[in-house]
Amino acid sequence: MWRYLNSISDPVLIFIAAFMLLAPFSPMPHVLEKLIMLKDGNLTRLVDIFDLFFHLIPSILLAIKYLRKNNKK
């Protein structure tokens, strides 16, 4: 698994993470909408929870890759 994560170049992963955080561009990004729902306690439907994780997966992978690089130094 780590080999696969290391094979993804940083600029590509950054682009995918930024795109997924901002998608859809109109009227409001899903991540922001779902985080507001989470704050208000309305994030109860399974499809909404899945959608939040789906949009956050590239950012989580980017964070893992960054933390692994810094721990190796």
PDB file of N, CA and C in Angstrom:
ATOM      1  N   MET A   1       0.812  -1.187   0.000  1.00  0.00           N
ATOM      2  CA  MET A   1       0.000   0.000   0.000  1.00  0.00           C
ATOM      3  C   MET A   1       0.861   1.259   0.000  1.00  0.00           C
ATOM      4  N   TRP A   2       1.912   1.256   0.807  1.00  0.00           N
ATOM      5  CA  TRP A   2       2.780   2.439   0.853  1.00  0.00           C
ATOM      6  C   TRP A   2       3.464   2.664  -0.492  1.00  0.00           C
ATOM      7  N   ARG A   3       3.792   1.568  -1.179  1.00  0.00           N
ATOM      8  CA  ARG A   3       4.437   1.689  -2.486  1.00  0.00           C
ATOM      9  C   ARG A   3       3.500   2.390  -3.472  1.00  0.00           C
ATOM     10  N   TYR A   4       2.215   2.042  -3.406  1.00  0.00           N
ATOM     11  CA  TYR A   4       1.240   2.673  -4.296  1.00  0.00           C
ATOM     12  C   TYR A   4       1.090   4.154  -3.968  1.00  0.00           C
ATOM     13  N   LEU A   5       1.035   4.494  -2.686  1.00  0.00           N
ATOM     14  CA  LEU A   5       0.911   5.897  -2.287  1.00  0.00           C
ATOM     15  C   LEU A   5       2.152   6.683  -2.696  1.00  0.00           C
ATOM     16  N   ASN A   6       3.316   6.078  -2.562  1.00  0.00           N
ATOM     17  CA  ASN A   6       4.547   6.758  -2.965  1.00  0.00           C
ATOM     18  C   ASN A   6       4.651   6.927  -4.477  1.00  0.00           C
ATOM     19  N   SER A   7       3.962   6.079  -5.236  1.00  0.00           N
ATOM     20  CA  SER A   7       4.038   6.177  -6.694  1.00  0.00           C
ATOM     21  C   SER A   7       3.223   7.342  -7.249  1.00  0.00           C
ATOM     22  N   ILE A   8       2.296   7.869  -6.465  1.00  0.00           N
ATOM     23  CA  ILE A   8       1.503   9.016  -6.909  1.00  0.00           C
ATOM     24  C   ILE A   8       2.329  10.274  -6.684  1.00  0.00           C
ATOM     25  N   SER A   9       2.522  11.045  -7.745  1.00  0.00           N
ATOM     26  CA  SER A   9       3.346  12.252  -7.609  1.00  0.00           C
ATOM     27  C   SER A   9       2.615  13.301  -6.764  1.00  0.00           C
ATOM     28  N   ASP A  10       3.392  14.111  -6.085  1.00  0.00           N
ATOM     29  CA  ASP A  10       2.821  15.116  -5.189  1.00  0.00           C
ATOM     30  C   ASP A  10       1.923  16.125  -5.917  1.00  0.00           C
ATOM     31  N   PRO A  11       2.348  16.702  -7.048  1.00  0.00           N
ATOM     32  CA  PRO A  11       1.467  17.674  -7.716  1.00  0.00           C
ATOM     33  C   PRO A  11       0.123  17.072  -8.155  1.00  0.00           C
ATOM     34  N   VAL A  12       0.144  15.830  -8.588  1.00  0.00           N
ATOM     35  CA  VAL A  12      -1.107  15.184  -9.003  1.00  0.00           C
ATOM     36  C   VAL A  12      -2.018  14.992  -7.803  1.00  0.00           C
ATOM     37  N   LEU A  13      -1.472  14.542  -6.699  1.00  0.00           N
ATOM     38  CA  LEU A  13      -2.267  14.323  -5.496  1.00  0.00           C
ATOM     39  C   LEU A  13      -2.794  15.643  -4.940  1.00  0.00           C
ATOM     40  N   ILE A  14      -2.001  16.690  -5.000  1.00  0.00           N
ATOM     41  CA  ILE A  14      -2.450  18.016  -4.550  1.00  0.00           C
ATOM     42  C   ILE A  14      -3.599  18.507  -5.421  1.00  0.00           C
ATOM     43  N   PHE A  15      -3.484  18.326  -6.731  1.00  0.00           N
ATOM     44  CA  PHE A  15      -4.542  18.749  -7.655  1.00  0.00           C
ATOM     45  C   PHE A  15      -5.830  17.980  -7.383  1.00  0.00           C
ATOM     46  N   ILE A  16      -5.727  16.666  -7.228  1.00  0.00           N
ATOM     47  CA  ILE A  16      -6.915  15.844  -6.984  1.00  0.00           C
ATOM     48  C   ILE A  16      -7.552  16.218  -5.647  1.00  0.00           C
ATOM     49  N   ALA A  17      -6.732  16.432  -4.621  1.00  0.00           N
ATOM     50  CA  ALA A  17      -7.261  16.795  -3.305  1.00  0.00           C
ATOM     51  C   ALA A  17      -7.978  18.146  -3.360  1.00  0.00           C
ATOM     52  N   ALA A  18      -7.369  19.125  -4.027  1.00  0.00           N
ATOM     53  CA  ALA A  18      -8.002  20.446  -4.135  1.00  0.00           C
ATOM     54  C   ALA A  18      -9.297  20.359  -4.934  1.00  0.00           C
ATOM     55  N   PHE A  19      -9.281  19.589  -6.008  1.00  0.00           N
ATOM     56  CA  PHE A  19     -10.480  19.438  -6.825  1.00  0.00           C
ATOM     57  C   PHE A  19     -11.610  18.794  -6.032  1.00  0.00           C
ATOM     58  N   MET A  20     -11.292  17.728  -5.293  1.00  0.00           N
ATOM     59  CA  MET A  20     -12.323  17.027  -4.534  1.00  0.00           C
ATOM     60  C   MET A  20     -12.834  17.871  -3.362  1.00  0.00           C
ATOM     61  N   LEU A  21     -11.991  18.715  -2.778  1.00  0.00           N
ATOM     62  CA  LEU A  21     -12.445  19.586  -1.699  1.00  0.00           C
ATOM     63  C   LEU A  21     -13.395  20.664  -2.216  1.00  0.00           C
ATOM     64  N   LEU A  22     -13.199  21.094  -3.448  1.00  0.00           N
ATOM     65  CA  LEU A  22     -14.000  22.183  -3.995  1.00  0.00           C
ATOM     66  C   LEU A  22     -15.187  21.714  -4.834  1.00  0.00           C
ATOM     67  N   ALA A  23     -15.243  20.439  -5.167  1.00  0.00           N
ATOM     68  CA  ALA A  23     -16.324  19.936  -6.027  1.00  0.00           C
ATOM     69  C   ALA A  23     -17.592  19.742  -5.223  1.00  0.00           C
ATOM     70  N   PRO A  24     -18.746  19.997  -5.725  1.00  0.00           N
ATOM     71  CA  PRO A  24     -19.045  20.790  -6.920  1.00  0.00           C
ATOM     72  C   PRO A  24     -18.818  22.268  -6.632  1.00  0.00           C
ATOM     73  N   PHE A  25     -18.502  22.997  -7.648  1.00  0.00           N
ATOM     74  CA  PHE A  25     -18.105  24.388  -7.482  1.00  0.00           C
ATOM     75  C   PHE A  25     -19.285  25.313  -7.210  1.00  0.00           C
ATOM     76  N   SER A  26     -20.469  24.878  -7.567  1.00  0.00           N
ATOM     77  CA  SER A  26     -21.641  25.725  -7.382  1.00  0.00           C
ATOM     78  C   SER A  26     -22.785  24.870  -6.858  1.00  0.00           C
ATOM     79  N   PRO A  27     -23.580  25.239  -5.966  1.00  0.00           N
ATOM     80  CA  PRO A  27     -23.599  26.483  -5.196  1.00  0.00           C
ATOM     81  C   PRO A  27     -22.663  26.458  -3.991  1.00  0.00           C
ATOM     82  N   MET A  28     -22.399  25.253  -3.421  1.00  0.00           N
ATOM     83  CA  MET A  28     -21.509  25.149  -2.267  1.00  0.00           C
ATOM     84  C   MET A  28     -20.772  23.815  -2.340  1.00  0.00           C
ATOM     85  N   PRO A  29     -19.462  23.799  -2.070  1.00  0.00           N
ATOM     86  CA  PRO A  29     -18.736  22.523  -2.071  1.00  0.00           C
ATOM     87  C   PRO A  29     -19.326  21.534  -1.065  1.00  0.00           C
ATOM     88  N   HIS A  30     -19.349  20.256  -1.455  1.00  0.00           N
ATOM     89  CA  HIS A  30     -19.933  19.228  -0.605  1.00  0.00           C
ATOM     90  C   HIS A  30     -19.232  19.137   0.756  1.00  0.00           C
ATOM     91  N   VAL A  31     -17.920  19.275   0.769  1.00  0.00           N
ATOM     92  CA  VAL A  31     -17.193  19.146   2.036  1.00  0.00           C
ATOM     93  C   VAL A  31     -17.654  20.219   3.015  1.00  0.00           C
ATOM     94  N   LEU A  32     -17.772  21.435   2.539  1.00  0.00           N
ATOM     95  CA  LEU A  32     -18.230  22.523   3.397  1.00  0.00           C
ATOM     96  C   LEU A  32     -19.666  22.279   3.858  1.00  0.00           C
ATOM     97  N   GLU A  33     -20.511  21.856   2.941  1.00  0.00           N
ATOM     98  CA  GLU A  33     -21.905  21.563   3.276  1.00  0.00           C
ATOM     99  C   GLU A  33     -22.007  20.450   4.318  1.00  0.00           C
ATOM    100  N   LYS A  34     -21.219  19.385   4.132  1.00  0.00           N
ATOM    101  CA  LYS A  34     -21.274  18.250   5.067  1.00  0.00           C
ATOM    102  C   LYS A  34     -20.665  18.609   6.420  1.00  0.00           C
ATOM    103  N   LEU A  35     -19.625  19.442   6.433  1.00  0.00           N
ATOM    104  CA  LEU A  35     -19.044  19.873   7.709  1.00  0.00           C
ATOM    105  C   LEU A  35     -20.014  20.753   8.485  1.00  0.00           C
ATOM    106  N   ILE A  36     -20.782  21.577   7.779  1.00  0.00           N
ATOM    107  CA  ILE A  36     -21.817  22.375   8.439  1.00  0.00           C
ATOM    108  C   ILE A  36     -22.889  21.456   9.007  1.00  0.00           C
ATOM    109  N   MET A  37     -23.268  20.438   8.228  1.00  0.00           N
ATOM    110  CA  MET A  37     -24.246  19.462   8.720  1.00  0.00           C
ATOM    111  C   MET A  37     -23.707  18.742   9.953  1.00  0.00           C
ATOM    112  N   LEU A  38     -22.418  18.392   9.947  1.00  0.00           N
ATOM    113  CA  LEU A  38     -21.800  17.712  11.084  1.00  0.00           C
ATOM    114  C   LEU A  38     -21.812  18.605  12.325  1.00  0.00           C
ATOM    115  N   LYS A  39     -21.486  19.878  12.124  1.00  0.00           N
ATOM    116  CA  LYS A  39     -21.484  20.841  13.233  1.00  0.00           C
ATOM    117  C   LYS A  39     -22.881  20.997  13.834  1.00  0.00           C
ATOM    118  N   ASP A  40     -23.889  21.009  12.968  1.00  0.00           N
ATOM    119  CA  ASP A  40     -25.264  21.187  13.426  1.00  0.00           C
ATOM    120  C   ASP A  40     -25.903  19.892  13.930  1.00  0.00           C
ATOM    121  N   GLY A  41     -25.220  18.763  13.748  1.00  0.00           N
ATOM    122  CA  GLY A  41     -25.753  17.486  14.185  1.00  0.00           C
ATOM    123  C   GLY A  41     -26.731  16.861  13.204  1.00  0.00           C
ATOM    124  N   ASN A  42     -26.710  17.305  11.954  1.00  0.00           N
ATOM    125  CA  ASN A  42     -27.634  16.801  10.940  1.00  0.00           C
ATOM    126  C   ASN A  42     -27.007  15.768  10.015  1.00  0.00           C
ATOM    127  N   LEU A  43     -25.787  15.392  10.245  1.00  0.00           N
ATOM    128  CA  LEU A  43     -25.102  14.427   9.379  1.00  0.00           C
ATOM    129  C   LEU A  43     -25.439  13.020   9.869  1.00  0.00           C
ATOM    130  N   THR A  44     -26.630  12.556   9.519  1.00  0.00           N
ATOM    131  CA  THR A  44     -27.100  11.268  10.023  1.00  0.00           C
ATOM    132  C   THR A  44     -27.314  10.244   8.925  1.00  0.00           C
ATOM    133  N   ARG A  45     -27.568  10.687   7.707  1.00  0.00           N
ATOM    134  CA  ARG A  45     -27.805   9.741   6.625  1.00  0.00           C
ATOM    135  C   ARG A  45     -26.482   9.132   6.165  1.00  0.00           C
ATOM    136  N   LEU A  46     -26.506   7.848   5.889  1.00  0.00           N
ATOM    137  CA  LEU A  46     -25.303   7.122   5.493  1.00  0.00           C
ATOM    138  C   LEU A  46     -24.711   7.677   4.198  1.00  0.00           C
ATOM    139  N   VAL A  47     -25.554   8.086   3.272  1.00  0.00           N
ATOM    140  CA  VAL A  47     -25.065   8.619   1.999  1.00  0.00           C
ATOM    141  C   VAL A  47     -24.311   9.933   2.219  1.00  0.00           C
ATOM    142  N   ASP A  48     -24.731  10.737   3.177  1.00  0.00           N
ATOM    143  CA  ASP A  48     -24.031  11.991   3.475  1.00  0.00           C
ATOM    144  C   ASP A  48     -22.675  11.726   4.131  1.00  0.00           C
ATOM    145  N   ILE A  49     -22.618  10.751   5.022  1.00  0.00           N
ATOM    146  CA  ILE A  49     -21.357  10.389   5.667  1.00  0.00           C
ATOM    147  C   ILE A  49     -20.380   9.836   4.632  1.00  0.00           C
ATOM    148  N   PHE A  50     -20.872   8.964   3.736  1.00  0.00           N
ATOM    149  CA  PHE A  50     -20.038   8.433   2.664  1.00  0.00           C
ATOM    150  C   PHE A  50     -19.542   9.551   1.758  1.00  0.00           C
ATOM    151  N   ASP A  51     -20.407  10.492   1.432  1.00  0.00           N
ATOM    152  CA  ASP A  51     -20.035  11.603   0.556  1.00  0.00           C
ATOM    153  C   ASP A  51     -18.940  12.455   1.184  1.00  0.00           C
ATOM    154  N   LEU A  52     -19.030  12.689   2.482  1.00  0.00           N
ATOM    155  CA  LEU A  52     -17.987  13.450   3.175  1.00  0.00           C
ATOM    156  C   LEU A  52     -16.649  12.728   3.084  1.00  0.00           C
ATOM    157  N   PHE A  53     -16.644  11.429   3.394  1.00  0.00           N
ATOM    158  CA  PHE A  53     -15.393  10.672   3.321  1.00  0.00           C
ATOM    159  C   PHE A  53     -14.877  10.557   1.897  1.00  0.00           C
ATOM    160  N   PHE A  54     -15.782  10.418   0.936  1.00  0.00           N
ATOM    161  CA  PHE A  54     -15.382  10.323  -0.469  1.00  0.00           C
ATOM    162  C   PHE A  54     -14.638  11.577  -0.909  1.00  0.00           C
ATOM    163  N   HIS A  55     -15.122  12.735  -0.485  1.00  0.00           N
ATOM    164  CA  HIS A  55     -14.476  13.991  -0.867  1.00  0.00           C
ATOM    165  C   HIS A  55     -13.209  14.257  -0.057  1.00  0.00           C
ATOM    166  N   LEU A  56     -13.073  13.632   1.113  1.00  0.00           N
ATOM    167  CA  LEU A  56     -11.892  13.854   1.953  1.00  0.00           C
ATOM    168  C   LEU A  56     -10.768  12.848   1.716  1.00  0.00           C
ATOM    169  N   ILE A  57     -11.034  11.739   1.035  1.00  0.00           N
ATOM    170  CA  ILE A  57     -10.024  10.694   0.849  1.00  0.00           C
ATOM    171  C   ILE A  57      -8.725  11.221   0.230  1.00  0.00           C
ATOM    172  N   PRO A  58      -8.760  12.001  -0.870  1.00  0.00           N
ATOM    173  CA  PRO A  58      -7.488  12.496  -1.410  1.00  0.00           C
ATOM    174  C   PRO A  58      -6.726  13.386  -0.425  1.00  0.00           C
ATOM    175  N   SER A  59      -7.422  14.187   0.346  1.00  0.00           N
ATOM    176  CA  SER A  59      -6.758  15.042   1.337  1.00  0.00           C
ATOM    177  C   SER A  59      -6.142  14.211   2.456  1.00  0.00           C
ATOM    178  N   ILE A  60      -6.836  13.158   2.853  1.00  0.00           N
ATOM    179  CA  ILE A  60      -6.296  12.260   3.877  1.00  0.00           C
ATOM    180  C   ILE A  60      -5.042  11.563   3.353  1.00  0.00           C
ATOM    181  N   LEU A  61      -5.082  11.099   2.115  1.00  0.00           N
ATOM    182  CA  LEU A  61      -3.898  10.463   1.514  1.00  0.00           C
ATOM    183  C   LEU A  61      -2.742  11.443   1.413  1.00  0.00           C
ATOM    184  N   LEU A  62      -3.035  12.685   1.052  1.00  0.00           N
ATOM    185  CA  LEU A  62      -1.995  13.711   0.969  1.00  0.00           C
ATOM    186  C   LEU A  62      -1.379  13.964   2.336  1.00  0.00           C
ATOM    187  N   ALA A  63      -2.198  14.017   3.376  1.00  0.00           N
ATOM    188  CA  ALA A  63      -1.690  14.225   4.732  1.00  0.00           C
ATOM    189  C   ALA A  63      -0.829  13.043   5.180  1.00  0.00           C
ATOM    190  N   ILE A  64      -1.268  11.826   4.875  1.00  0.00           N
ATOM    191  CA  ILE A  64      -0.484  10.638   5.231  1.00  0.00           C
ATOM    192  C   ILE A  64       0.860  10.655   4.520  1.00  0.00           C
ATOM    193  N   LYS A  65       0.843  11.000   3.237  1.00  0.00           N
ATOM    194  CA  LYS A  65       2.086  11.038   2.462  1.00  0.00           C
ATOM    195  C   LYS A  65       3.034  12.105   3.020  1.00  0.00           C
ATOM    196  N   TYR A  66       2.504  13.251   3.374  1.00  0.00           N
ATOM    197  CA  TYR A  66       3.316  14.321   3.938  1.00  0.00           C
ATOM    198  C   TYR A  66       3.914  13.912   5.284  1.00  0.00           C
ATOM    199  N   LEU A  67       3.094  13.316   6.144  1.00  0.00           N
ATOM    200  CA  LEU A  67       3.585  12.896   7.457  1.00  0.00           C
ATOM    201  C   LEU A  67       4.636  11.794   7.345  1.00  0.00           C
ATOM    202  N   ARG A  68       4.460  10.874   6.403  1.00  0.00           N
ATOM    203  CA  ARG A  68       5.455   9.814   6.217  1.00  0.00           C
ATOM    204  C   ARG A  68       6.775  10.385   5.723  1.00  0.00           C
ATOM    205  N   LYS A  69       6.714  11.380   4.814  1.00  0.00           N
ATOM    206  CA  LYS A  69       7.940  12.000   4.319  1.00  0.00           C
ATOM    207  C   LYS A  69       8.688  12.709   5.442  1.00  0.00           C
ATOM    208  N   ASN A  70       7.959  13.411   6.306  1.00  0.00           N
ATOM    209  CA  ASN A  70       8.608  14.155   7.384  1.00  0.00           C
ATOM    210  C   ASN A  70       9.138  13.248   8.475  1.00  0.00           C
ATOM    211  N   ASN A  71       8.524  12.087   8.690  1.00  0.00           N
ATOM    212  CA  ASN A  71       9.012  11.164   9.709  1.00  0.00           C
ATOM    213  C   ASN A  71      10.266  10.434   9.258  1.00  0.00           C
ATOM    214  N   LYS A  72      10.483  10.296   7.959  1.00  0.00           N
ATOM    215  CA  LYS A  72      11.674   9.624   7.446  1.00  0.00           C
ATOM    216  C   LYS A  72      12.928  10.472   7.597  1.00  0.00           C
ATOM    217  N   LYS A  73      12.759  11.785   7.684  1.00  0.00           N
ATOM    218  CA  LYS A  73      13.918  12.687   7.746  1.00  0.00           C
ATOM    219  C   LYS A  73      14.579  12.678   9.084  1.00  0.00           C
TER     220      LYS A  73
END
